mmCIF file of all heavy atoms, coordinates in Angstrom:
data_MODEL
# 
_entry.id   MODEL 
# 
loop_
_atom_site.group_PDB 
_atom_site.id 
_atom_site.type_symbol 
_atom_site.label_atom_id 
_atom_site.label_alt_id 
_atom_site.label_comp_id 
_atom_site.label_asym_id 
_atom_site.label_entity_id 
_atom_site.label_seq_id 
_atom_site.pdbx_PDB_ins_code 
_atom_site.Cartn_x 
_atom_site.Cartn_y 
_atom_site.Cartn_z 
_atom_site.occupancy 
_atom_site.B_iso_or_equiv 
_atom_site.pdbx_formal_charge 
_atom_site.auth_seq_id 
_atom_site.auth_comp_id 
_atom_site.auth_asym_id 
_atom_site.auth_atom_id 
_atom_site.pdbx_PDB_model_num 
ATOM 1   N N   . GLN A 1 1  ? 102.334 109.234 126.841 1.00 0.00 ? 1  GLN A N   1 
ATOM 2   C CA  . GLN A 1 1  ? 101.461 108.135 127.228 1.00 0.00 ? 1  GLN A CA  1 
ATOM 3   C C   . GLN A 1 1  ? 101.585 107.786 128.705 1.00 0.00 ? 1  GLN A C   1 
ATOM 4   O O   . GLN A 1 1  ? 100.635 107.309 129.324 1.00 0.00 ? 1  GLN A O   1 
ATOM 5   C CB  . GLN A 1 1  ? 101.781 106.884 126.390 1.00 0.00 ? 1  GLN A CB  1 
ATOM 6   C CG  . GLN A 1 1  ? 101.083 106.844 125.044 1.00 0.00 ? 1  GLN A CG  1 
ATOM 7   C CD  . GLN A 1 1  ? 99.625  106.458 125.200 1.00 0.00 ? 1  GLN A CD  1 
ATOM 8   O OE1 . GLN A 1 1  ? 98.806  107.228 125.707 1.00 0.00 ? 1  GLN A OE1 1 
ATOM 9   N NE2 . GLN A 1 1  ? 99.284  105.254 124.766 1.00 0.00 ? 1  GLN A NE2 1 
ATOM 10  N N   . GLU A 1 2  ? 102.756 108.017 129.263 1.00 0.00 ? 2  GLU A N   1 
ATOM 11  C CA  . GLU A 1 2  ? 102.979 107.683 130.677 1.00 0.00 ? 2  GLU A CA  1 
ATOM 12  C C   . GLU A 1 2  ? 102.312 108.673 131.633 1.00 0.00 ? 2  GLU A C   1 
ATOM 13  O O   . GLU A 1 2  ? 102.171 108.384 132.821 1.00 0.00 ? 2  GLU A O   1 
ATOM 14  C CB  . GLU A 1 2  ? 104.485 107.634 130.964 1.00 0.00 ? 2  GLU A CB  1 
ATOM 15  C CG  . GLU A 1 2  ? 105.189 106.448 130.301 1.00 0.00 ? 2  GLU A CG  1 
ATOM 16  C CD  . GLU A 1 2  ? 106.706 106.570 130.386 1.00 0.00 ? 2  GLU A CD  1 
ATOM 17  O OE1 . GLU A 1 2  ? 107.185 107.540 131.019 1.00 0.00 ? 2  GLU A OE1 1 
ATOM 18  O OE2 . GLU A 1 2  ? 107.410 105.717 129.812 1.00 0.00 ? 2  GLU A OE2 1 
ATOM 19  N N   . GLN A 1 3  ? 101.917 109.852 131.133 1.00 0.00 ? 3  GLN A N   1 
ATOM 20  C CA  . GLN A 1 3  ? 101.252 110.844 131.986 1.00 0.00 ? 3  GLN A CA  1 
ATOM 21  C C   . GLN A 1 3  ? 99.795  110.443 132.164 1.00 0.00 ? 3  GLN A C   1 
ATOM 22  O O   . GLN A 1 3  ? 99.052  110.331 131.189 1.00 0.00 ? 3  GLN A O   1 
ATOM 23  C CB  . GLN A 1 3  ? 101.332 112.241 131.376 1.00 0.00 ? 3  GLN A CB  1 
ATOM 24  C CG  . GLN A 1 3  ? 102.737 112.666 130.999 1.00 0.00 ? 3  GLN A CG  1 
ATOM 25  C CD  . GLN A 1 3  ? 103.721 112.553 132.131 1.00 0.00 ? 3  GLN A CD  1 
ATOM 26  O OE1 . GLN A 1 3  ? 103.510 113.115 133.203 1.00 0.00 ? 3  GLN A OE1 1 
ATOM 27  N NE2 . GLN A 1 3  ? 104.800 111.815 131.912 1.00 0.00 ? 3  GLN A NE2 1 
ATOM 28  N N   . PRO A 1 4  ? 99.346  110.189 133.395 1.00 0.00 ? 4  PRO A N   1 
ATOM 29  C CA  . PRO A 1 4  ? 97.975  109.699 133.624 1.00 0.00 ? 4  PRO A CA  1 
ATOM 30  C C   . PRO A 1 4  ? 96.921  110.599 132.979 1.00 0.00 ? 4  PRO A C   1 
ATOM 31  O O   . PRO A 1 4  ? 96.807  111.783 133.296 1.00 0.00 ? 4  PRO A O   1 
ATOM 32  C CB  . PRO A 1 4  ? 97.850  109.707 135.154 1.00 0.00 ? 4  PRO A CB  1 
ATOM 33  C CG  . PRO A 1 4  ? 99.256  109.615 135.643 1.00 0.00 ? 4  PRO A CG  1 
ATOM 34  C CD  . PRO A 1 4  ? 100.095 110.365 134.653 1.00 0.00 ? 4  PRO A CD  1 
ATOM 35  N N   . GLY A 1 5  ? 96.165  110.032 132.043 1.00 0.00 ? 5  GLY A N   1 
ATOM 36  C CA  . GLY A 1 5  ? 95.037  110.739 131.440 1.00 0.00 ? 5  GLY A CA  1 
ATOM 37  C C   . GLY A 1 5  ? 95.386  111.764 130.390 1.00 0.00 ? 5  GLY A C   1 
ATOM 38  O O   . GLY A 1 5  ? 94.477  112.352 129.791 1.00 0.00 ? 5  GLY A O   1 
ATOM 39  N N   . LEU A 1 6  ? 96.665  112.020 130.135 1.00 0.00 ? 6  LEU A N   1 
ATOM 40  C CA  . LEU A 1 6  ? 97.012  113.079 129.172 1.00 0.00 ? 6  LEU A CA  1 
ATOM 41  C C   . LEU A 1 6  ? 96.521  112.723 127.769 1.00 0.00 ? 6  LEU A C   1 
ATOM 42  O O   . LEU A 1 6  ? 95.982  113.570 127.055 1.00 0.00 ? 6  LEU A O   1 
ATOM 43  C CB  . LEU A 1 6  ? 98.523  113.311 129.151 1.00 0.00 ? 6  LEU A CB  1 
ATOM 44  C CG  . LEU A 1 6  ? 99.018  114.375 128.166 1.00 0.00 ? 6  LEU A CG  1 
ATOM 45  C CD1 . LEU A 1 6  ? 98.413  115.738 128.480 1.00 0.00 ? 6  LEU A CD1 1 
ATOM 46  C CD2 . LEU A 1 6  ? 100.546 114.467 128.175 1.00 0.00 ? 6  LEU A CD2 1 
ATOM 47  N N   . VAL A 1 7  ? 96.703  111.492 127.345 1.00 0.00 ? 7  VAL A N   1 
ATOM 48  C CA  . VAL A 1 7  ? 96.220  111.036 126.038 1.00 0.00 ? 7  VAL A CA  1 
ATOM 49  C C   . VAL A 1 7  ? 94.867  110.359 126.241 1.00 0.00 ? 7  VAL A C   1 
ATOM 50  O O   . VAL A 1 7  ? 94.753  109.399 127.002 1.00 0.00 ? 7  VAL A O   1 
ATOM 51  C CB  . VAL A 1 7  ? 97.214  110.060 125.387 1.00 0.00 ? 7  VAL A CB  1 
ATOM 52  C CG1 . VAL A 1 7  ? 96.641  109.492 124.092 1.00 0.00 ? 7  VAL A CG1 1 
ATOM 53  C CG2 . VAL A 1 7  ? 98.544  110.759 125.119 1.00 0.00 ? 7  VAL A CG2 1 
ATOM 54  N N   . ASP A 1 8  ? 93.835  110.875 125.561 1.00 0.00 ? 8  ASP A N   1 
ATOM 55  C CA  . ASP A 1 8  ? 92.496  110.302 125.761 1.00 0.00 ? 8  ASP A CA  1 
ATOM 56  C C   . ASP A 1 8  ? 91.927  109.608 124.521 1.00 0.00 ? 8  ASP A C   1 
ATOM 57  O O   . ASP A 1 8  ? 90.849  109.019 124.580 1.00 0.00 ? 8  ASP A O   1 
ATOM 58  C CB  . ASP A 1 8  ? 91.515  111.372 126.255 1.00 0.00 ? 8  ASP A CB  1 
ATOM 59  C CG  . ASP A 1 8  ? 91.327  112.533 125.274 1.00 0.00 ? 8  ASP A CG  1 
ATOM 60  O OD1 . ASP A 1 8  ? 91.745  112.408 124.101 1.00 0.00 ? 8  ASP A OD1 1 
ATOM 61  O OD2 . ASP A 1 8  ? 90.766  113.560 125.682 1.00 0.00 ? 8  ASP A OD2 1 
ATOM 62  N N   . HIS A 1 9  ? 92.650  109.661 123.395 1.00 0.00 ? 9  HIS A N   1 
ATOM 63  C CA  . HIS A 1 9  ? 92.154  108.966 122.199 1.00 0.00 ? 9  HIS A CA  1 
ATOM 64  C C   . HIS A 1 9  ? 93.316  108.766 121.227 1.00 0.00 ? 9  HIS A C   1 
ATOM 65  O O   . HIS A 1 9  ? 94.161  109.651 121.071 1.00 0.00 ? 9  HIS A O   1 
ATOM 66  C CB  . HIS A 1 9  ? 91.048  109.779 121.514 1.00 0.00 ? 9  HIS A CB  1 
ATOM 67  C CG  . HIS A 1 9  ? 90.500  109.114 120.280 1.00 0.00 ? 9  HIS A CG  1 
ATOM 68  N ND1 . HIS A 1 9  ? 89.689  108.009 120.322 1.00 0.00 ? 9  HIS A ND1 1 
ATOM 69  C CD2 . HIS A 1 9  ? 90.673  109.410 118.962 1.00 0.00 ? 9  HIS A CD2 1 
ATOM 70  C CE1 . HIS A 1 9  ? 89.376  107.653 119.083 1.00 0.00 ? 9  HIS A CE1 1 
ATOM 71  N NE2 . HIS A 1 9  ? 89.957  108.474 118.254 1.00 0.00 ? 9  HIS A NE2 1 
ATOM 72  N N   . ILE A 1 10 ? 93.362  107.584 120.593 1.00 0.00 ? 10 ILE A N   1 
ATOM 73  C CA  . ILE A 1 10 ? 94.423  107.261 119.635 1.00 0.00 ? 10 ILE A CA  1 
ATOM 74  C C   . ILE A 1 10 ? 93.787  106.847 118.313 1.00 0.00 ? 10 ILE A C   1 
ATOM 75  O O   . ILE A 1 10 ? 92.862  106.032 118.290 1.00 0.00 ? 10 ILE A O   1 
ATOM 76  C CB  . ILE A 1 10 ? 95.328  106.129 120.168 1.00 0.00 ? 10 ILE A CB  1 
ATOM 77  C CG1 . ILE A 1 10 ? 95.966  106.535 121.495 1.00 0.00 ? 10 ILE A CG1 1 
ATOM 78  C CG2 . ILE A 1 10 ? 96.421  105.794 119.149 1.00 0.00 ? 10 ILE A CG2 1 
ATOM 79  C CD1 . ILE A 1 10 ? 96.740  105.425 122.166 1.00 0.00 ? 10 ILE A CD1 1 
ATOM 80  N N   . HIS A 1 11 ? 94.294  107.427 117.223 1.00 0.00 ? 11 HIS A N   1 
ATOM 81  C CA  . HIS A 1 11 ? 93.774  107.106 115.890 1.00 0.00 ? 11 HIS A CA  1 
ATOM 82  C C   . HIS A 1 11 ? 94.922  106.745 114.964 1.00 0.00 ? 11 HIS A C   1 
ATOM 83  O O   . HIS A 1 11 ? 95.965  107.419 114.955 1.00 0.00 ? 11 HIS A O   1 
ATOM 84  C CB  . HIS A 1 11 ? 93.004  108.299 115.325 1.00 0.00 ? 11 HIS A CB  1 
ATOM 85  C CG  . HIS A 1 11 ? 92.496  108.068 113.930 1.00 0.00 ? 11 HIS A CG  1 
ATOM 86  N ND1 . HIS A 1 11 ? 93.016  108.722 112.831 1.00 0.00 ? 11 HIS A ND1 1 
ATOM 87  C CD2 . HIS A 1 11 ? 91.521  107.253 113.450 1.00 0.00 ? 11 HIS A CD2 1 
ATOM 88  C CE1 . HIS A 1 11 ? 92.379  108.320 111.738 1.00 0.00 ? 11 HIS A CE1 1 
ATOM 89  N NE2 . HIS A 1 11 ? 91.478  107.423 112.083 1.00 0.00 ? 11 HIS A NE2 1 
ATOM 90  N N   . TYR A 1 12 ? 94.726  105.692 114.193 1.00 0.00 ? 12 TYR A N   1 
ATOM 91  C CA  . TYR A 1 12 ? 95.742  105.214 113.250 1.00 0.00 ? 12 TYR A CA  1 
ATOM 92  C C   . TYR A 1 12 ? 95.389  105.665 111.843 1.00 0.00 ? 12 TYR A C   1 
ATOM 93  O O   . TYR A 1 12 ? 94.264  105.464 111.379 1.00 0.00 ? 12 TYR A O   1 
ATOM 94  C CB  . TYR A 1 12 ? 95.804  103.683 113.314 1.00 0.00 ? 12 TYR A CB  1 
ATOM 95  C CG  . TYR A 1 12 ? 96.630  103.019 112.240 1.00 0.00 ? 12 TYR A CG  1 
ATOM 96  C CD1 . TYR A 1 12 ? 98.011  103.181 112.177 1.00 0.00 ? 12 TYR A CD1 1 
ATOM 97  C CD2 . TYR A 1 12 ? 96.022  102.184 111.296 1.00 0.00 ? 12 TYR A CD2 1 
ATOM 98  C CE1 . TYR A 1 12 ? 98.765  102.546 111.194 1.00 0.00 ? 12 TYR A CE1 1 
ATOM 99  C CE2 . TYR A 1 12 ? 96.768  101.536 110.310 1.00 0.00 ? 12 TYR A CE2 1 
ATOM 100 C CZ  . TYR A 1 12 ? 98.137  101.727 110.265 1.00 0.00 ? 12 TYR A CZ  1 
ATOM 101 O OH  . TYR A 1 12 ? 98.881  101.098 109.300 1.00 0.00 ? 12 TYR A OH  1 
ATOM 102 N N   . ARG A 1 13 ? 96.342  106.305 111.158 1.00 0.00 ? 13 ARG A N   1 
ATOM 103 C CA  . ARG A 1 13 ? 96.144  106.739 109.783 1.00 0.00 ? 13 ARG A CA  1 
ATOM 104 C C   . ARG A 1 13 ? 97.203  106.041 108.922 1.00 0.00 ? 13 ARG A C   1 
ATOM 105 O O   . ARG A 1 13 ? 98.364  106.436 108.909 1.00 0.00 ? 13 ARG A O   1 
ATOM 106 C CB  . ARG A 1 13 ? 96.279  108.254 109.659 1.00 0.00 ? 13 ARG A CB  1 
ATOM 107 C CG  . ARG A 1 13 ? 95.944  108.814 108.267 1.00 0.00 ? 13 ARG A CG  1 
ATOM 108 C CD  . ARG A 1 13 ? 96.191  110.311 108.220 1.00 0.00 ? 13 ARG A CD  1 
ATOM 109 N NE  . ARG A 1 13 ? 95.293  111.023 109.094 1.00 0.00 ? 13 ARG A NE  1 
ATOM 110 C CZ  . ARG A 1 13 ? 94.084  111.455 108.743 1.00 0.00 ? 13 ARG A CZ  1 
ATOM 111 N NH1 . ARG A 1 13 ? 93.646  111.238 107.511 1.00 0.00 ? 13 ARG A NH1 1 
ATOM 112 N NH2 . ARG A 1 13 ? 93.325  112.099 109.604 1.00 0.00 ? 13 ARG A NH2 1 
ATOM 113 N N   . PRO A 1 14 ? 96.820  104.963 108.218 1.00 0.00 ? 14 PRO A N   1 
ATOM 114 C CA  . PRO A 1 14 ? 97.813  104.193 107.474 1.00 0.00 ? 14 PRO A CA  1 
ATOM 115 C C   . PRO A 1 14 ? 98.344  104.949 106.262 1.00 0.00 ? 14 PRO A C   1 
ATOM 116 O O   . PRO A 1 14 ? 97.684  105.841 105.717 1.00 0.00 ? 14 PRO A O   1 
ATOM 117 C CB  . PRO A 1 14 ? 97.045  102.948 107.042 1.00 0.00 ? 14 PRO A CB  1 
ATOM 118 C CG  . PRO A 1 14 ? 95.622  103.411 106.945 1.00 0.00 ? 14 PRO A CG  1 
ATOM 119 C CD  . PRO A 1 14 ? 95.457  104.425 108.049 1.00 0.00 ? 14 PRO A CD  1 
ATOM 120 N N   . SER A 1 15 ? 99.522  104.584 105.846 1.00 0.00 ? 15 SER A N   1 
ATOM 121 C CA  . SER A 1 15 ? 100.093 105.165 104.637 1.00 0.00 ? 15 SER A CA  1 
ATOM 122 C C   . SER A 1 15 ? 99.341  104.656 103.416 1.00 0.00 ? 15 SER A C   1 
ATOM 123 O O   . SER A 1 15 ? 98.680  103.616 103.452 1.00 0.00 ? 15 SER A O   1 
ATOM 124 C CB  . SER A 1 15 ? 101.567 104.791 104.517 1.00 0.00 ? 15 SER A CB  1 
ATOM 125 O OG  . SER A 1 15 ? 101.706 103.405 104.247 1.00 0.00 ? 15 SER A OG  1 
ATOM 126 N N   . GLN A 1 16 ? 99.465  105.398 102.356 1.00 0.00 ? 16 GLN A N   1 
ATOM 127 C CA  . GLN A 1 16 ? 98.834  104.991 101.103 1.00 0.00 ? 16 GLN A CA  1 
ATOM 128 C C   . GLN A 1 16 ? 99.367  103.631 100.643 1.00 0.00 ? 16 GLN A C   1 
ATOM 129 O O   . GLN A 1 16 ? 98.609  102.781 100.155 1.00 0.00 ? 16 GLN A O   1 
ATOM 130 C CB  . GLN A 1 16 ? 99.114  106.058 100.049 1.00 0.00 ? 16 GLN A CB  1 
ATOM 131 C CG  . GLN A 1 16 ? 98.469  105.802 98.706  1.00 0.00 ? 16 GLN A CG  1 
ATOM 132 C CD  . GLN A 1 16 ? 98.943  106.828 97.692  1.00 0.00 ? 16 GLN A CD  1 
ATOM 133 O OE1 . GLN A 1 16 ? 100.054 106.740 97.200  1.00 0.00 ? 16 GLN A OE1 1 
ATOM 134 N NE2 . GLN A 1 16 ? 98.104  107.814 97.410  1.00 0.00 ? 16 GLN A NE2 1 
ATOM 135 N N   . TYR A 1 17 ? 100.657 103.402 100.820 1.00 0.00 ? 17 TYR A N   1 
ATOM 136 C CA  . TYR A 1 17 ? 101.277 102.152 100.377 1.00 0.00 ? 17 TYR A CA  1 
ATOM 137 C C   . TYR A 1 17 ? 100.723 100.956 101.152 1.00 0.00 ? 17 TYR A C   1 
ATOM 138 O O   . TYR A 1 17 ? 100.371 99.927  100.564 1.00 0.00 ? 17 TYR A O   1 
ATOM 139 C CB  . TYR A 1 17 ? 102.792 102.237 100.555 1.00 0.00 ? 17 TYR A CB  1 
ATOM 140 C CG  . TYR A 1 17 ? 103.508 100.935 100.251 1.00 0.00 ? 17 TYR A CG  1 
ATOM 141 C CD1 . TYR A 1 17 ? 103.705 100.529 98.939  1.00 0.00 ? 17 TYR A CD1 1 
ATOM 142 C CD2 . TYR A 1 17 ? 103.972 100.126 101.281 1.00 0.00 ? 17 TYR A CD2 1 
ATOM 143 C CE1 . TYR A 1 17 ? 104.354 99.320  98.655  1.00 0.00 ? 17 TYR A CE1 1 
ATOM 144 C CE2 . TYR A 1 17 ? 104.615 98.929  101.012 1.00 0.00 ? 17 TYR A CE2 1 
ATOM 145 C CZ  . TYR A 1 17 ? 104.798 98.533  99.699  1.00 0.00 ? 17 TYR A CZ  1 
ATOM 146 O OH  . TYR A 1 17 ? 105.431 97.341  99.423  1.00 0.00 ? 17 TYR A OH  1 
ATOM 147 N N   . ASN A 1 18 ? 100.647 101.064 102.476 1.00 0.00 ? 18 ASN A N   1 
ATOM 148 C CA  . ASN A 1 18 ? 100.142 99.943  103.275 1.00 0.00 ? 18 ASN A CA  1 
ATOM 149 C C   . ASN A 1 18 ? 98.681  99.640  102.970 1.00 0.00 ? 18 ASN A C   1 
ATOM 150 O O   . ASN A 1 18 ? 98.260  98.480  102.987 1.00 0.00 ? 18 ASN A O   1 
ATOM 151 C CB  . ASN A 1 18 ? 100.329 100.229 104.764 1.00 0.00 ? 18 ASN A CB  1 
ATOM 152 C CG  . ASN A 1 18 ? 101.758 100.033 105.207 1.00 0.00 ? 18 ASN A CG  1 
ATOM 153 O OD1 . ASN A 1 18 ? 102.528 99.337  104.549 1.00 0.00 ? 18 ASN A OD1 1 
ATOM 154 N ND2 . ASN A 1 18 ? 102.137 100.651 106.314 1.00 0.00 ? 18 ASN A ND2 1 
ATOM 155 N N   . THR A 1 19 ? 97.916  100.666 102.685 1.00 0.00 ? 19 THR A N   1 
ATOM 156 C CA  . THR A 1 19 ? 96.517  100.454 102.293 1.00 0.00 ? 19 THR A CA  1 
ATOM 157 C C   . THR A 1 19 ? 96.445  99.736  100.946 1.00 0.00 ? 19 THR A C   1 
ATOM 158 O O   . THR A 1 19 ? 95.629  98.822  100.754 1.00 0.00 ? 19 THR A O   1 
ATOM 159 C CB  . THR A 1 19 ? 95.782  101.800 102.215 1.00 0.00 ? 19 THR A CB  1 
ATOM 160 O OG1 . THR A 1 19 ? 95.708  102.361 103.530 1.00 0.00 ? 19 THR A OG1 1 
ATOM 161 C CG2 . THR A 1 19 ? 94.366  101.620 101.667 1.00 0.00 ? 19 THR A CG2 1 
ATOM 162 N N   . LEU A 1 20 ? 97.300  100.111 100.013 1.00 0.00 ? 20 LEU A N   1 
ATOM 163 C CA  . LEU A 1 20 ? 97.336  99.442  98.706  1.00 0.00 ? 20 LEU A CA  1 
ATOM 164 C C   . LEU A 1 20 ? 97.733  97.976  98.868  1.00 0.00 ? 20 LEU A C   1 
ATOM 165 O O   . LEU A 1 20 ? 97.114  97.090  98.255  1.00 0.00 ? 20 LEU A O   1 
ATOM 166 C CB  . LEU A 1 20 ? 98.328  100.164 97.791  1.00 0.00 ? 20 LEU A CB  1 
ATOM 167 C CG  . LEU A 1 20 ? 98.601  99.513  96.428  1.00 0.00 ? 20 LEU A CG  1 
ATOM 168 C CD1 . LEU A 1 20 ? 97.310  99.377  95.619  1.00 0.00 ? 20 LEU A CD1 1 
ATOM 169 C CD2 . LEU A 1 20 ? 99.646  100.315 95.661  1.00 0.00 ? 20 LEU A CD2 1 
ATOM 170 N N   . VAL A 1 21 ? 98.735  97.709  99.685  1.00 0.00 ? 21 VAL A N   1 
ATOM 171 C CA  . VAL A 1 21 ? 99.187  96.326  99.896  1.00 0.00 ? 21 VAL A CA  1 
ATOM 172 C C   . VAL A 1 21 ? 98.062  95.473  100.470 1.00 0.00 ? 21 VAL A C   1 
ATOM 173 O O   . VAL A 1 21 ? 97.851  94.328  100.044 1.00 0.00 ? 21 VAL A O   1 
ATOM 174 C CB  . VAL A 1 21 ? 100.414 96.300  100.826 1.00 0.00 ? 21 VAL A CB  1 
ATOM 175 C CG1 . VAL A 1 21 ? 100.723 94.879  101.294 1.00 0.00 ? 21 VAL A CG1 1 
ATOM 176 C CG2 . VAL A 1 21 ? 101.627 96.894  100.127 1.00 0.00 ? 21 VAL A CG2 1 
ATOM 177 N N   . ARG A 1 22 ? 97.308  96.025  101.420 1.00 0.00 ? 22 ARG A N   1 
ATOM 178 C CA  . ARG A 1 22 ? 96.213  95.256  102.025 1.00 0.00 ? 22 ARG A CA  1 
ATOM 179 C C   . ARG A 1 22 ? 95.151  94.911  100.989 1.00 0.00 ? 22 ARG A C   1 
ATOM 180 O O   . ARG A 1 22 ? 94.701  93.774  100.885 1.00 0.00 ? 22 ARG A O   1 
ATOM 181 C CB  . ARG A 1 22 ? 95.573  96.049  103.159 1.00 0.00 ? 22 ARG A CB  1 
ATOM 182 C CG  . ARG A 1 22 ? 94.349  95.318  103.752 1.00 0.00 ? 22 ARG A CG  1 
ATOM 183 C CD  . ARG A 1 22 ? 93.564  96.192  104.694 1.00 0.00 ? 22 ARG A CD  1 
ATOM 184 N NE  . ARG A 1 22 ? 92.503  95.415  105.327 1.00 0.00 ? 22 ARG A NE  1 
ATOM 185 C CZ  . ARG A 1 22 ? 91.211  95.589  105.082 1.00 0.00 ? 22 ARG A CZ  1 
ATOM 186 N NH1 . ARG A 1 22 ? 90.823  96.487  104.177 1.00 0.00 ? 22 ARG A NH1 1 
ATOM 187 N NH2 . ARG A 1 22 ? 90.298  94.877  105.708 1.00 0.00 ? 22 ARG A NH2 1 
ATOM 188 N N   . ASN A 1 23 ? 94.724  95.889  100.196 1.00 0.00 ? 23 ASN A N   1 
ATOM 189 C CA  . ASN A 1 23 ? 93.679  95.642  99.212  1.00 0.00 ? 23 ASN A CA  1 
ATOM 190 C C   . ASN A 1 23 ? 94.157  94.717  98.095  1.00 0.00 ? 23 ASN A C   1 
ATOM 191 O O   . ASN A 1 23 ? 93.378  93.912  97.582  1.00 0.00 ? 23 ASN A O   1 
ATOM 192 C CB  . ASN A 1 23 ? 93.174  96.973  98.644  1.00 0.00 ? 23 ASN A CB  1 
ATOM 193 C CG  . ASN A 1 23 ? 92.291  97.724  99.617  1.00 0.00 ? 23 ASN A CG  1 
ATOM 194 O OD1 . ASN A 1 23 ? 91.089  97.475  99.701  1.00 0.00 ? 23 ASN A OD1 1 
ATOM 195 N ND2 . ASN A 1 23 ? 92.889  98.629  100.379 1.00 0.00 ? 23 ASN A ND2 1 
ATOM 196 N N   . PHE A 1 24 ? 95.419  94.812  97.742  1.00 0.00 ? 24 PHE A N   1 
ATOM 197 C CA  . PHE A 1 24 ? 95.958  93.911  96.731  1.00 0.00 ? 24 PHE A CA  1 
ATOM 198 C C   . PHE A 1 24 ? 95.959  92.471  97.241  1.00 0.00 ? 24 PHE A C   1 
ATOM 199 O O   . PHE A 1 24 ? 95.633  91.535  96.508  1.00 0.00 ? 24 PHE A O   1 
ATOM 200 C CB  . PHE A 1 24 ? 97.382  94.343  96.354  1.00 0.00 ? 24 PHE A CB  1 
ATOM 201 C CG  . PHE A 1 24 ? 97.949  93.606  95.174  1.00 0.00 ? 24 PHE A CG  1 
ATOM 202 C CD1 . PHE A 1 24 ? 97.651  94.006  93.877  1.00 0.00 ? 24 PHE A CD1 1 
ATOM 203 C CD2 . PHE A 1 24 ? 98.776  92.501  95.350  1.00 0.00 ? 24 PHE A CD2 1 
ATOM 204 C CE1 . PHE A 1 24 ? 98.169  93.325  92.784  1.00 0.00 ? 24 PHE A CE1 1 
ATOM 205 C CE2 . PHE A 1 24 ? 99.303  91.810  94.268  1.00 0.00 ? 24 PHE A CE2 1 
ATOM 206 C CZ  . PHE A 1 24 ? 98.996  92.227  92.968  1.00 0.00 ? 24 PHE A CZ  1 
ATOM 207 N N   . SER A 1 25 ? 96.307  92.296  98.535  1.00 0.00 ? 25 SER A N   1 
ATOM 208 C CA  . SER A 1 25 ? 96.354  90.945  99.094  1.00 0.00 ? 25 SER A CA  1 
ATOM 209 C C   . SER A 1 25 ? 94.965  90.323  99.199  1.00 0.00 ? 25 SER A C   1 
ATOM 210 O O   . SER A 1 25 ? 94.817  89.094  99.162  1.00 0.00 ? 25 SER A O   1 
ATOM 211 C CB  . SER A 1 25 ? 97.014  90.973  100.475 1.00 0.00 ? 25 SER A CB  1 
ATOM 212 O OG  . SER A 1 25 ? 96.205  91.685  101.407 1.00 0.00 ? 25 SER A OG  1 
# 
């Protein structure tokens, strides 16, 4: 991340458990 421009896009892929917790809540 500290290298200028090396990373151009970030995507989050949640775990199955965290997705279940969110929908349950």
